[in-house]
PDB file of N, CA and C in Angstrom:
ATOM      1  N   MET A   1     -15.936  26.254 -16.228  1.00  0.00           N
ATOM      2  CA  MET A   1     -16.741  25.493 -15.300  1.00  0.00           C
ATOM      3  C   MET A   1     -16.600  24.003 -15.605  1.00  0.00           C
ATOM      4  N   ILE A   2     -16.398  23.192 -14.571  1.00  0.00           N
ATOM      5  CA  ILE A   2     -16.267  21.742 -14.737  1.00  0.00           C
ATOM      6  C   ILE A   2     -17.654  21.117 -14.642  1.00  0.00           C
ATOM      7  N   ARG A   3     -17.988  20.342 -15.646  1.00  0.00           N
ATOM      8  CA  ARG A   3     -19.262  19.627 -15.623  1.00  0.00           C
ATOM      9  C   ARG A   3     -19.101  18.358 -14.802  1.00  0.00           C
ATOM     10  N   PRO A   4     -20.175  17.857 -14.181  1.00  0.00           N
ATOM     11  CA  PRO A   4     -20.072  16.653 -13.338  1.00  0.00           C
ATOM     12  C   PRO A   4     -19.430  15.469 -14.040  1.00  0.00           C
ATOM     13  N   GLU A   5     -19.688  15.284 -15.318  1.00  0.00           N
ATOM     14  CA  GLU A   5     -19.111  14.140 -16.022  1.00  0.00           C
ATOM     15  C   GLU A   5     -17.614  14.293 -16.244  1.00  0.00           C
ATOM     16  N   GLU A   6     -17.064  15.502 -16.041  1.00  0.00           N
ATOM     17  CA  GLU A   6     -15.633  15.737 -16.187  1.00  0.00           C
ATOM     18  C   GLU A   6     -14.888  15.661 -14.862  1.00  0.00           C
ATOM     19  N   THR A   7     -15.623  15.565 -13.772  1.00  0.00           N
ATOM     20  CA  THR A   7     -15.007  15.514 -12.461  1.00  0.00           C
ATOM     21  C   THR A   7     -14.455  14.117 -12.224  1.00  0.00           C
ATOM     22  N   PRO A   8     -13.152  14.009 -11.907  1.00  0.00           N
ATOM     23  CA  PRO A   8     -12.598  12.686 -11.666  1.00  0.00           C
ATOM     24  C   PRO A   8     -13.251  12.049 -10.436  1.00  0.00           C
ATOM     25  N   VAL A   9     -13.486  10.769 -10.529  1.00  0.00           N
ATOM     26  CA  VAL A   9     -14.074  10.032  -9.417  1.00  0.00           C
ATOM     27  C   VAL A   9     -12.998   9.105  -8.859  1.00  0.00           C
ATOM     28  N   ASN A  10     -12.667   9.310  -7.593  1.00  0.00           N
ATOM     29  CA  ASN A  10     -11.687   8.463  -6.938  1.00  0.00           C
ATOM     30  C   ASN A  10     -12.445   7.334  -6.264  1.00  0.00           C
ATOM     31  N   THR A  11     -12.299   6.147  -6.799  1.00  0.00           N
ATOM     32  CA  THR A  11     -13.072   5.036  -6.284  1.00  0.00           C
ATOM     33  C   THR A  11     -12.288   4.157  -5.325  1.00  0.00           C
ATOM     34  N   HIS A  12     -11.044   4.489  -5.077  1.00  0.00           N
ATOM     35  CA  HIS A  12     -10.206   3.667  -4.206  1.00  0.00           C
ATOM     36  C   HIS A  12      -9.739   4.446  -2.988  1.00  0.00           C
ATOM     37  N   ARG A  13      -9.574   3.714  -1.904  1.00  0.00           N
ATOM     38  CA  ARG A  13      -8.857   4.259  -0.737  1.00  0.00           C
ATOM     39  C   ARG A  13      -7.505   3.563  -0.750  1.00  0.00           C
ATOM     40  N   ILE A  14      -6.458   4.344  -0.905  1.00  0.00           N
ATOM     41  CA  ILE A  14      -5.107   3.802  -0.992  1.00  0.00           C
ATOM     42  C   ILE A  14      -4.327   4.270   0.226  1.00  0.00           C
ATOM     43  N   GLU A  15      -3.716   3.320   0.925  1.00  0.00           N
ATOM     44  CA  GLU A  15      -2.945   3.628   2.119  1.00  0.00           C
ATOM     45  C   GLU A  15      -1.532   3.073   1.996  1.00  0.00           C
ATOM     46  N   LEU A  16      -0.573   3.870   2.429  1.00  0.00           N
ATOM     47  CA  LEU A  16       0.809   3.429   2.572  1.00  0.00           C
ATOM     48  C   LEU A  16       1.148   3.549   4.043  1.00  0.00           C
ATOM     49  N   LEU A  17       1.394   2.411   4.689  1.00  0.00           N
ATOM     50  CA  LEU A  17       1.753   2.387   6.105  1.00  0.00           C
ATOM     51  C   LEU A  17       3.228   2.051   6.226  1.00  0.00           C
ATOM     52  N   TRP A  18       3.913   2.723   7.145  1.00  0.00           N
ATOM     53  CA  TRP A  18       5.360   2.557   7.296  1.00  0.00           C
ATOM     54  C   TRP A  18       5.764   2.961   8.702  1.00  0.00           C
ATOM     55  N   PHE A  19       7.023   2.733   9.043  1.00  0.00           N
ATOM     56  CA  PHE A  19       7.550   3.232  10.301  1.00  0.00           C
ATOM     57  C   PHE A  19       8.884   3.923  10.045  1.00  0.00           C
ATOM     58  N   THR A  20       9.197   4.858  10.911  1.00  0.00           N
ATOM     59  CA  THR A  20      10.447   5.598  10.805  1.00  0.00           C
ATOM     60  C   THR A  20      11.621   4.630  10.884  1.00  0.00           C
ATOM     61  N   GLY A  21      12.543   4.763   9.970  1.00  0.00           N
ATOM     62  CA  GLY A  21      13.717   3.899   9.956  1.00  0.00           C
ATOM     63  C   GLY A  21      13.623   2.756   8.970  1.00  0.00           C
ATOM     64  N   CYS A  22      12.461   2.543   8.376  1.00  0.00           N
ATOM     65  CA  CYS A  22      12.331   1.476   7.379  1.00  0.00           C
ATOM     66  C   CYS A  22      13.025   1.920   6.094  1.00  0.00           C
ATOM     67  N   PRO A  23      14.002   1.156   5.609  1.00  0.00           N
ATOM     68  CA  PRO A  23      14.709   1.567   4.395  1.00  0.00           C
ATOM     69  C   PRO A  23      13.879   1.381   3.126  1.00  0.00           C
ATOM     70  N   ASN A  24      12.755   0.666   3.220  1.00  0.00           N
ATOM     71  CA  ASN A  24      11.971   0.381   2.019  1.00  0.00           C
ATOM     72  C   ASN A  24      10.728   1.238   1.861  1.00  0.00           C
ATOM     73  N   HIS A  25      10.423   2.079   2.840  1.00  0.00           N
ATOM     74  CA  HIS A  25       9.171   2.821   2.686  1.00  0.00           C
ATOM     75  C   HIS A  25       9.253   3.914   1.619  1.00  0.00           C
ATOM     76  N   GLU A  26      10.400   4.533   1.432  1.00  0.00           N
ATOM     77  CA  GLU A  26      10.517   5.539   0.362  1.00  0.00           C
ATOM     78  C   GLU A  26      10.442   4.893  -1.022  1.00  0.00           C
ATOM     79  N   PRO A  27      11.169   3.787  -1.277  1.00  0.00           N
ATOM     80  CA  PRO A  27      11.004   3.124  -2.575  1.00  0.00           C
ATOM     81  C   PRO A  27       9.569   2.630  -2.795  1.00  0.00           C
ATOM     82  N   ALA A  28       8.904   2.193  -1.728  1.00  0.00           N
ATOM     83  CA  ALA A  28       7.505   1.755  -1.848  1.00  0.00           C
ATOM     84  C   ALA A  28       6.616   2.939  -2.212  1.00  0.00           C
ATOM     85  N   ARG A  29       6.873   4.087  -1.588  1.00  0.00           N
ATOM     86  CA  ARG A  29       6.096   5.299  -1.891  1.00  0.00           C
ATOM     87  C   ARG A  29       6.270   5.681  -3.359  1.00  0.00           C
ATOM     88  N   GLU A  30       7.521   5.639  -3.835  1.00  0.00           N
ATOM     89  CA  GLU A  30       7.784   5.987  -5.238  1.00  0.00           C
ATOM     90  C   GLU A  30       7.077   5.023  -6.184  1.00  0.00           C
ATOM     91  N   LEU A  31       7.165   3.732  -5.902  1.00  0.00           N
ATOM     92  CA  LEU A  31       6.493   2.721  -6.732  1.00  0.00           C
ATOM     93  C   LEU A  31       4.986   2.950  -6.732  1.00  0.00           C
ATOM     94  N   LEU A  32       4.422   3.140  -5.563  1.00  0.00           N
ATOM     95  CA  LEU A  32       2.974   3.341  -5.456  1.00  0.00           C
ATOM     96  C   LEU A  32       2.531   4.581  -6.218  1.00  0.00           C
ATOM     97  N   HIS A  33       3.255   5.671  -6.084  1.00  0.00           N
ATOM     98  CA  HIS A  33       2.893   6.893  -6.806  1.00  0.00           C
ATOM     99  C   HIS A  33       2.973   6.695  -8.319  1.00  0.00           C
ATOM    100  N   ARG A  34       3.993   5.991  -8.785  1.00  0.00           N
ATOM    101  CA  ARG A  34       4.113   5.733 -10.237  1.00  0.00           C
ATOM    102  C   ARG A  34       2.905   4.953 -10.744  1.00  0.00           C
ATOM    103  N   VAL A  35       2.546   3.888 -10.037  1.00  0.00           N
ATOM    104  CA  VAL A  35       1.432   3.044 -10.481  1.00  0.00           C
ATOM    105  C   VAL A  35       0.116   3.817 -10.416  1.00  0.00           C
ATOM    106  N   VAL A  36      -0.106   4.535  -9.338  1.00  0.00           N
ATOM    107  CA  VAL A  36      -1.347   5.306  -9.201  1.00  0.00           C
ATOM    108  C   VAL A  36      -1.423   6.400 -10.253  1.00  0.00           C
ATOM    109  N   ASP A  37      -0.317   7.086 -10.503  1.00  0.00           N
ATOM    110  CA  ASP A  37      -0.305   8.129 -11.539  1.00  0.00           C
ATOM    111  C   ASP A  37      -0.664   7.564 -12.906  1.00  0.00           C
ATOM    112  N   GLU A  38      -0.257   6.331 -13.183  1.00  0.00           N
ATOM    113  CA  GLU A  38      -0.544   5.703 -14.474  1.00  0.00           C
ATOM    114  C   GLU A  38      -1.964   5.150 -14.551  1.00  0.00           C
ATOM    115  N   LEU A  39      -2.421   4.497 -13.478  1.00  0.00           N
ATOM    116  CA  LEU A  39      -3.678   3.754 -13.542  1.00  0.00           C
ATOM    117  C   LEU A  39      -4.866   4.429 -12.869  1.00  0.00           C
ATOM    118  N   ALA A  40      -4.607   5.301 -11.926  1.00  0.00           N
ATOM    119  CA  ALA A  40      -5.698   5.960 -11.199  1.00  0.00           C
ATOM    120  C   ALA A  40      -5.298   7.389 -10.859  1.00  0.00           C
ATOM    121  N   PRO A  41      -4.954   8.185 -11.888  1.00  0.00           N
ATOM    122  CA  PRO A  41      -4.462   9.533 -11.620  1.00  0.00           C
ATOM    123  C   PRO A  41      -5.455  10.345 -10.797  1.00  0.00           C
ATOM    124  N   GLY A  42      -4.883  11.096  -9.870  1.00  0.00           N
ATOM    125  CA  GLY A  42      -5.713  11.937  -9.024  1.00  0.00           C
ATOM    126  C   GLY A  42      -6.212  11.263  -7.758  1.00  0.00           C
ATOM    127  N   THR A  43      -6.022   9.957  -7.665  1.00  0.00           N
ATOM    128  CA  THR A  43      -6.461   9.246  -6.467  1.00  0.00           C
ATOM    129  C   THR A  43      -5.488   9.554  -5.332  1.00  0.00           C
ATOM    130  N   PRO A  44      -6.001  10.054  -4.211  1.00  0.00           N
ATOM    131  CA  PRO A  44      -5.094  10.376  -3.113  1.00  0.00           C
ATOM    132  C   PRO A  44      -4.532   9.124  -2.448  1.00  0.00           C
ATOM    133  N   ILE A  45      -3.324   9.265  -1.941  1.00  0.00           N
ATOM    134  CA  ILE A  45      -2.679   8.195  -1.181  1.00  0.00           C
ATOM    135  C   ILE A  45      -2.583   8.675   0.260  1.00  0.00           C
ATOM    136  N   VAL A  46      -3.143   7.900   1.166  1.00  0.00           N
ATOM    137  CA  VAL A  46      -3.084   8.239   2.583  1.00  0.00           C
ATOM    138  C   VAL A  46      -1.774   7.685   3.119  1.00  0.00           C
ATOM    139  N   ASP A  47      -0.928   8.568   3.596  1.00  0.00           N
ATOM    140  CA  ASP A  47       0.401   8.231   4.076  1.00  0.00           C
ATOM    141  C   ASP A  47       0.330   8.117   5.598  1.00  0.00           C
ATOM    142  N   ILE A  48       0.598   6.931   6.147  1.00  0.00           N
ATOM    143  CA  ILE A  48       0.405   6.689   7.571  1.00  0.00           C
ATOM    144  C   ILE A  48       1.705   6.230   8.222  1.00  0.00           C
ATOM    145  N   ASP A  49       2.180   7.039   9.166  1.00  0.00           N
ATOM    146  CA  ASP A  49       3.342   6.674   9.969  1.00  0.00           C
ATOM    147  C   ASP A  49       2.837   5.821  11.135  1.00  0.00           C
ATOM    148  N   ALA A  50       3.176   4.544  11.102  1.00  0.00           N
ATOM    149  CA  ALA A  50       2.730   3.610  12.142  1.00  0.00           C
ATOM    150  C   ALA A  50       3.853   3.312  13.134  1.00  0.00           C
ATOM    151  N   SER A  51       4.741   4.273  13.348  1.00  0.00           N
ATOM    152  CA  SER A  51       5.847   4.079  14.288  1.00  0.00           C
ATOM    153  C   SER A  51       5.357   3.932  15.726  1.00  0.00           C
ATOM    154  N   ASP A  52       4.289   4.625  16.064  1.00  0.00           N
ATOM    155  CA  ASP A  52       3.723   4.561  17.407  1.00  0.00           C
ATOM    156  C   ASP A  52       3.046   3.199  17.601  1.00  0.00           C
ATOM    157  N   PRO A  53       3.397   2.451  18.653  1.00  0.00           N
ATOM    158  CA  PRO A  53       2.814   1.127  18.865  1.00  0.00           C
ATOM    159  C   PRO A  53       1.283   1.135  18.949  1.00  0.00           C
ATOM    160  N   ALA A  54       0.703   2.200  19.487  1.00  0.00           N
ATOM    161  CA  ALA A  54      -0.755   2.270  19.565  1.00  0.00           C
ATOM    162  C   ALA A  54      -1.372   2.391  18.174  1.00  0.00           C
ATOM    163  N   VAL A  55      -0.741   3.184  17.304  1.00  0.00           N
ATOM    164  CA  VAL A  55      -1.214   3.331  15.925  1.00  0.00           C
ATOM    165  C   VAL A  55      -1.044   2.006  15.189  1.00  0.00           C
ATOM    166  N   ALA A  56       0.113   1.372  15.367  1.00  0.00           N
ATOM    167  CA  ALA A  56       0.371   0.079  14.715  1.00  0.00           C
ATOM    168  C   ALA A  56      -0.685  -0.946  15.104  1.00  0.00           C
ATOM    169  N   ALA A  57      -1.013  -1.014  16.380  1.00  0.00           N
ATOM    170  CA  ALA A  57      -2.017  -1.982  16.845  1.00  0.00           C
ATOM    171  C   ALA A  57      -3.396  -1.633  16.310  1.00  0.00           C
ATOM    172  N   GLU A  58      -3.762  -0.371  16.377  1.00  0.00           N
ATOM    173  CA  GLU A  58      -5.083   0.050  15.916  1.00  0.00           C
ATOM    174  C   GLU A  58      -5.293  -0.262  14.436  1.00  0.00           C
ATOM    175  N   LEU A  59      -4.251  -0.079  13.645  1.00  0.00           N
ATOM    176  CA  LEU A  59      -4.356  -0.286  12.197  1.00  0.00           C
ATOM    177  C   LEU A  59      -3.948  -1.689  11.749  1.00  0.00           C
ATOM    178  N   ARG A  60      -3.642  -2.550  12.712  1.00  0.00           N
ATOM    179  CA  ARG A  60      -3.242  -3.932  12.409  1.00  0.00           C
ATOM    180  C   ARG A  60      -2.083  -3.929  11.405  1.00  0.00           C
ATOM    181  N   PHE A  61      -1.051  -3.185  11.774  1.00  0.00           N
ATOM    182  CA  PHE A  61       0.112  -2.934  10.926  1.00  0.00           C
ATOM    183  C   PHE A  61       1.058  -4.137  10.949  1.00  0.00           C
ATOM    184  N   PRO A  62       1.206  -4.850   9.818  1.00  0.00           N
ATOM    185  CA  PRO A  62       2.053  -6.046   9.799  1.00  0.00           C
ATOM    186  C   PRO A  62       3.524  -5.789   9.530  1.00  0.00           C
ATOM    187  N   GLY A  63       3.891  -4.553   9.247  1.00  0.00           N
ATOM    188  CA  GLY A  63       5.284  -4.232   8.953  1.00  0.00           C
ATOM    189  C   GLY A  63       5.375  -3.240   7.814  1.00  0.00           C
ATOM    190  N   SER A  64       6.573  -2.710   7.660  1.00  0.00           N
ATOM    191  CA  SER A  64       6.803  -1.643   6.700  1.00  0.00           C
ATOM    192  C   SER A  64       7.636  -2.125   5.525  1.00  0.00           C
ATOM    193  N   PRO A  65       7.185  -1.795   4.326  1.00  0.00           N
ATOM    194  CA  PRO A  65       6.012  -1.013   3.970  1.00  0.00           C
ATOM    195  C   PRO A  65       4.780  -1.909   3.800  1.00  0.00           C
ATOM    196  N   THR A  66       3.624  -1.339   4.072  1.00  0.00           N
ATOM    197  CA  THR A  66       2.355  -2.010   3.805  1.00  0.00           C
ATOM    198  C   THR A  66       1.543  -1.108   2.895  1.00  0.00           C
ATOM    199  N   ILE A  67       1.033  -1.688   1.824  1.00  0.00           N
ATOM    200  CA  ILE A  67       0.167  -0.957   0.907  1.00  0.00           C
ATOM    201  C   ILE A  67      -1.188  -1.651   0.937  1.00  0.00           C
ATOM    202  N   ARG A  68      -2.218  -0.858   1.217  1.00  0.00           N
ATOM    203  CA  ARG A  68      -3.587  -1.374   1.222  1.00  0.00           C
ATOM    204  C   ARG A  68      -4.417  -0.567   0.233  1.00  0.00           C
ATOM    205  N   ILE A  69      -5.204  -1.283  -0.518  1.00  0.00           N
ATOM    206  CA  ILE A  69      -6.137  -0.642  -1.442  1.00  0.00           C
ATOM    207  C   ILE A  69      -7.526  -1.142  -1.078  1.00  0.00           C
ATOM    208  N   ASP A  70      -8.374  -0.190  -0.755  1.00  0.00           N
ATOM    209  CA  ASP A  70      -9.740  -0.492  -0.315  1.00  0.00           C
ATOM    210  C   ASP A  70      -9.740  -1.439   0.878  1.00  0.00           C
ATOM    211  N   GLY A  71      -8.782  -1.214   1.783  1.00  0.00           N
ATOM    212  CA  GLY A  71      -8.719  -1.977   3.017  1.00  0.00           C
ATOM    213  C   GLY A  71      -8.042  -3.327   2.928  1.00  0.00           C
ATOM    214  N   ARG A  72      -7.606  -3.706   1.737  1.00  0.00           N
ATOM    215  CA  ARG A  72      -6.966  -5.010   1.544  1.00  0.00           C
ATOM    216  C   ARG A  72      -5.499  -4.852   1.211  1.00  0.00           C
ATOM    217  N   ASP A  73      -4.692  -5.699   1.816  1.00  0.00           N
ATOM    218  CA  ASP A  73      -3.266  -5.719   1.519  1.00  0.00           C
ATOM    219  C   ASP A  73      -3.075  -6.094   0.052  1.00  0.00           C
ATOM    220  N   VAL A  74      -2.105  -5.461  -0.622  1.00  0.00           N
ATOM    221  CA  VAL A  74      -1.887  -5.772  -2.041  1.00  0.00           C
ATOM    222  C   VAL A  74      -1.246  -7.135  -2.257  1.00  0.00           C
ATOM    223  N   ASP A  75      -0.610  -7.690  -1.231  1.00  0.00           N
ATOM    224  CA  ASP A  75       0.008  -9.016  -1.357  1.00  0.00           C
ATOM    225  C   ASP A  75      -1.108 -10.053  -1.424  1.00  0.00           C
ATOM    226  N   PRO A  76      -1.244 -10.742  -2.555  1.00  0.00           N
ATOM    227  CA  PRO A  76      -2.348 -11.692  -2.699  1.00  0.00           C
ATOM    228  C   PRO A  76      -2.256 -12.891  -1.745  1.00  0.00           C
ATOM    229  N   LYS A  77      -1.090 -13.114  -1.171  1.00  0.00           N
ATOM    230  CA  LYS A  77      -0.919 -14.237  -0.233  1.00  0.00           C
ATOM    231  C   LYS A  77      -0.842 -13.756   1.215  1.00  0.00           C
ATOM    232  N   TYR A  78      -1.250 -12.520   1.457  1.00  0.00           N
ATOM    233  CA  TYR A  78      -1.151 -11.940   2.790  1.00  0.00           C
ATOM    234  C   TYR A  78      -1.976 -12.730   3.809  1.00  0.00           C
ATOM    235  N   VAL A  79      -1.334 -12.991   4.939  1.00  0.00           N
ATOM    236  CA  VAL A  79      -1.994 -13.592   6.092  1.00  0.00           C
ATOM    237  C   VAL A  79      -1.672 -12.694   7.281  1.00  0.00           C
ATOM    238  N   ASP A  80      -2.702 -12.251   7.965  1.00  0.00           N
ATOM    239  CA  ASP A  80      -2.524 -11.356   9.113  1.00  0.00           C
ATOM    240  C   ASP A  80      -1.682 -12.064  10.163  1.00  0.00           C
ATOM    241  N   PRO A  81      -0.527 -11.469  10.547  1.00  0.00           N
ATOM    242  CA  PRO A  81       0.355 -12.138  11.496  1.00  0.00           C
ATOM    243  C   PRO A  81      -0.131 -12.044  12.946  1.00  0.00           C
ATOM    244  N   GLY A  82      -1.060 -11.120  13.221  1.00  0.00           N
ATOM    245  CA  GLY A  82      -1.541 -10.943  14.585  1.00  0.00           C
ATOM    246  C   GLY A  82      -0.555 -10.213  15.482  1.00  0.00           C
ATOM    247  N   ASP A  83       0.565  -9.797  14.942  1.00  0.00           N
ATOM    248  CA  ASP A  83       1.599  -9.064  15.689  1.00  0.00           C
ATOM    249  C   ASP A  83       1.804  -7.750  14.950  1.00  0.00           C
ATOM    250  N   TYR A  84       1.553  -6.648  15.635  1.00  0.00           N
ATOM    251  CA  TYR A  84       1.541  -5.352  14.964  1.00  0.00           C
ATOM    252  C   TYR A  84       2.603  -4.420  15.521  1.00  0.00           C
ATOM    253  N   THR A  85       3.840  -4.856  15.449  1.00  0.00           N
ATOM    254  CA  THR A  85       4.951  -4.048  15.927  1.00  0.00           C
ATOM    255  C   THR A  85       5.678  -3.423  14.737  1.00  0.00           C
ATOM    256  N   SER A  86       6.417  -2.372  15.013  1.00  0.00           N
ATOM    257  CA  SER A  86       7.185  -1.718  13.960  1.00  0.00           C
ATOM    258  C   SER A  86       8.359  -2.604  13.563  1.00  0.00           C
ATOM    259  N   ARG A  87       8.324  -3.067  12.351  1.00  0.00           N
ATOM    260  CA  ARG A  87       9.396  -3.908  11.826  1.00  0.00           C
ATOM    261  C   ARG A  87       9.365  -3.826  10.302  1.00  0.00           C
ATOM    262  N   CYS A  88      10.475  -4.202   9.701  1.00  0.00           N
ATOM    263  CA  CYS A  88      10.528  -4.260   8.247  1.00  0.00           C
ATOM    264  C   CYS A  88       9.763  -5.485   7.773  1.00  0.00           C
ATOM    265  N   ARG A  89       9.148  -5.327   6.654  1.00  0.00           N
ATOM    266  CA  ARG A  89       8.348  -6.403   6.077  1.00  0.00           C
ATOM    267  C   ARG A  89       9.056  -6.930   4.837  1.00  0.00           C
ATOM    268  N   VAL A  90       8.959  -8.231   4.627  1.00  0.00           N
ATOM    269  CA  VAL A  90       9.476  -8.832   3.400  1.00  0.00           C
ATOM    270  C   VAL A  90       8.325  -9.527   2.692  1.00  0.00           C
ATOM    271  N   PHE A  91       8.459  -9.622   1.376  1.00  0.00           N
ATOM    272  CA  PHE A  91       7.420 -10.187   0.527  1.00  0.00           C
ATOM    273  C   PHE A  91       7.997 -11.347  -0.277  1.00  0.00           C
ATOM    274  N   TRP A  92       7.238 -12.421  -0.391  1.00  0.00           N
ATOM    275  CA  TRP A  92       7.609 -13.528  -1.271  1.00  0.00           C
ATOM    276  C   TRP A  92       7.180 -13.142  -2.671  1.00  0.00           C
ATOM    277  N   THR A  93       8.139 -12.787  -3.517  1.00  0.00           N
ATOM    278  CA  THR A  93       7.860 -12.372  -4.892  1.00  0.00           C
ATOM    279  C   THR A  93       8.347 -13.453  -5.852  1.00  0.00           C
ATOM    280  N   ASP A  94       8.109 -13.219  -7.128  1.00  0.00           N
ATOM    281  CA  ASP A  94       8.607 -14.157  -8.145  1.00  0.00           C
ATOM    282  C   ASP A  94      10.130 -14.222  -8.145  1.00  0.00           C
ATOM    283  N   GLU A  95      10.795 -13.181  -7.637  1.00  0.00           N
ATOM    284  CA  GLU A  95      12.251 -13.142  -7.578  1.00  0.00           C
ATOM    285  C   GLU A  95      12.793 -13.552  -6.214  1.00  0.00           C
ATOM    286  N   GLY A  96      11.940 -14.026  -5.325  1.00  0.00           N
ATOM    287  CA  GLY A  96      12.363 -14.400  -3.977  1.00  0.00           C
ATOM    288  C   GLY A  96      11.924 -13.357  -2.968  1.00  0.00           C
ATOM    289  N   LEU A  97      12.546 -13.379  -1.805  1.00  0.00           N
ATOM    290  CA  LEU A  97      12.202 -12.415  -0.758  1.00  0.00           C
ATOM    291  C   LEU A  97      12.677 -11.021  -1.144  1.00  0.00           C
ATOM    292  N   ARG A  98      11.778 -10.059  -1.028  1.00  0.00           N
ATOM    293  CA  ARG A  98      12.096  -8.670  -1.365  1.00  0.00           C
ATOM    294  C   ARG A  98      11.475  -7.740  -0.325  1.00  0.00           C
ATOM    295  N   GLY A  99      11.982  -6.532  -0.254  1.00  0.00           N
ATOM    296  CA  GLY A  99      11.475  -5.534   0.679  1.00  0.00           C
ATOM    297  C   GLY A  99      10.339  -4.702   0.121  1.00  0.00           C
ATOM    298  N   LEU A 100       9.943  -4.964  -1.135  1.00  0.00           N
ATOM    299  CA  LEU A 100       8.842  -4.244  -1.772  1.00  0.00           C
ATOM    300  C   LEU A 100       7.856  -5.236  -2.377  1.00  0.00           C
ATOM    301  N   PRO A 101       6.580  -4.874  -2.381  1.00  0.00           N
ATOM    302  CA  PRO A 101       5.619  -5.726  -3.075  1.00  0.00           C
ATOM    303  C   PRO A 101       5.837  -5.629  -4.586  1.00  0.00           C
ATOM    304  N   GLU A 102       5.322  -6.589  -5.302  1.00  0.00           N
ATOM    305  CA  GLU A 102       5.438  -6.551  -6.759  1.00  0.00           C
ATOM    306  C   GLU A 102       4.496  -5.503  -7.347  1.00  0.00           C
ATOM    307  N   ARG A 103       4.975  -4.833  -8.371  1.00  0.00           N
ATOM    308  CA  ARG A 103       4.162  -3.824  -9.059  1.00  0.00           C
ATOM    309  C   ARG A 103       2.831  -4.413  -9.521  1.00  0.00           C
ATOM    310  N   ARG A 104       2.871  -5.623 -10.046  1.00  0.00           N
ATOM    311  CA  ARG A 104       1.646  -6.223 -10.580  1.00  0.00           C
ATOM    312  C   ARG A 104       0.591  -6.435  -9.502  1.00  0.00           C
ATOM    313  N   TRP A 105       1.007  -6.600  -8.241  1.00  0.00           N
ATOM    314  CA  TRP A 105       0.045  -6.729  -7.145  1.00  0.00           C
ATOM    315  C   TRP A 105      -0.726  -5.434  -6.953  1.00  0.00           C
ATOM    316  N   ILE A 106      -0.020  -4.313  -7.045  1.00  0.00           N
ATOM    317  CA  ILE A 106      -0.657  -3.010  -6.909  1.00  0.00           C
ATOM    318  C   ILE A 106      -1.608  -2.785  -8.080  1.00  0.00           C
ATOM    319  N   GLU A 107      -1.138  -3.111  -9.284  1.00  0.00           N
ATOM    320  CA  GLU A 107      -1.974  -2.969 -10.474  1.00  0.00           C
ATOM    321  C   GLU A 107      -3.239  -3.817 -10.345  1.00  0.00           C
ATOM    322  N   ALA A 108      -3.095  -5.051  -9.905  1.00  0.00           N
ATOM    323  CA  ALA A 108      -4.248  -5.947  -9.761  1.00  0.00           C
ATOM    324  C   ALA A 108      -5.216  -5.429  -8.704  1.00  0.00           C
ATOM    325  N   ALA A 109      -4.682  -4.912  -7.604  1.00  0.00           N
ATOM    326  CA  ALA A 109      -5.550  -4.380  -6.544  1.00  0.00           C
ATOM    327  C   ALA A 109      -6.335  -3.174  -7.049  1.00  0.00           C
ATOM    328  N   LEU A 110      -5.706  -2.323  -7.835  1.00  0.00           N
ATOM    329  CA  LEU A 110      -6.403  -1.169  -8.393  1.00  0.00           C
ATOM    330  C   LEU A 110      -7.468  -1.606  -9.395  1.00  0.00           C
ATOM    331  N   ALA A 111      -7.213  -2.705 -10.082  1.00  0.00           N
ATOM    332  CA  ALA A 111      -8.180  -3.218 -11.060  1.00  0.00           C
ATOM    333  C   ALA A 111      -9.278  -4.039 -10.398  1.00  0.00           C
ATOM    334  N   GLY A 112      -9.085  -4.339  -9.112  1.00  0.00           N
ATOM    335  CA  GLY A 112     -10.068  -5.161  -8.414  1.00  0.00           C
ATOM    336  C   GLY A 112      -9.923  -6.629  -8.690  1.00  0.00           C
ATOM    337  N   ASP A 113      -8.764  -7.028  -9.197  1.00  0.00           N
ATOM    338  CA  ASP A 113      -8.505  -8.433  -9.525  1.00  0.00           C
ATOM    339  C   ASP A 113      -7.481  -9.022  -8.562  1.00  0.00           C
ATOM    340  N   PRO A 114      -7.577 -10.318  -8.296  1.00  0.00           N
ATOM    341  CA  PRO A 114      -6.500 -10.953  -7.540  1.00  0.00           C
ATOM    342  C   PRO A 114      -5.251 -11.017  -8.419  1.00  0.00           C
ATOM    343  N   ALA A 115      -4.083 -10.859  -7.818  1.00  0.00           N
ATOM    344  CA  ALA A 115      -2.830 -10.878  -8.588  1.00  0.00           C
ATOM    345  C   ALA A 115      -2.485 -12.253  -9.079  1.00  0.00           C
TER     346      ALA A 115
END
């Protein structure tokens, strides 16, 4: 029997938004799963296909891949573009433009800290 104090508590809502054909959504999924497995094991990841324009608009989808933790984009410099079409997303990282967010951004979002 599991006692209440032994039951894992998932305190985060983690979302991975992507569109069909994005070459970076699988690497983003792998990165996100690695970080979550290390820092927040057992926390579910909501996988959202935003290929449909109506879904993209409803979810304010800025491009693929998008990772949100507790409703906030993991990119600390994120600015909502106001355009929610299916497209590849690029991130300004310490190494320049990349197709994936930095691992430390995900870690900081899980910790509740700005990156």
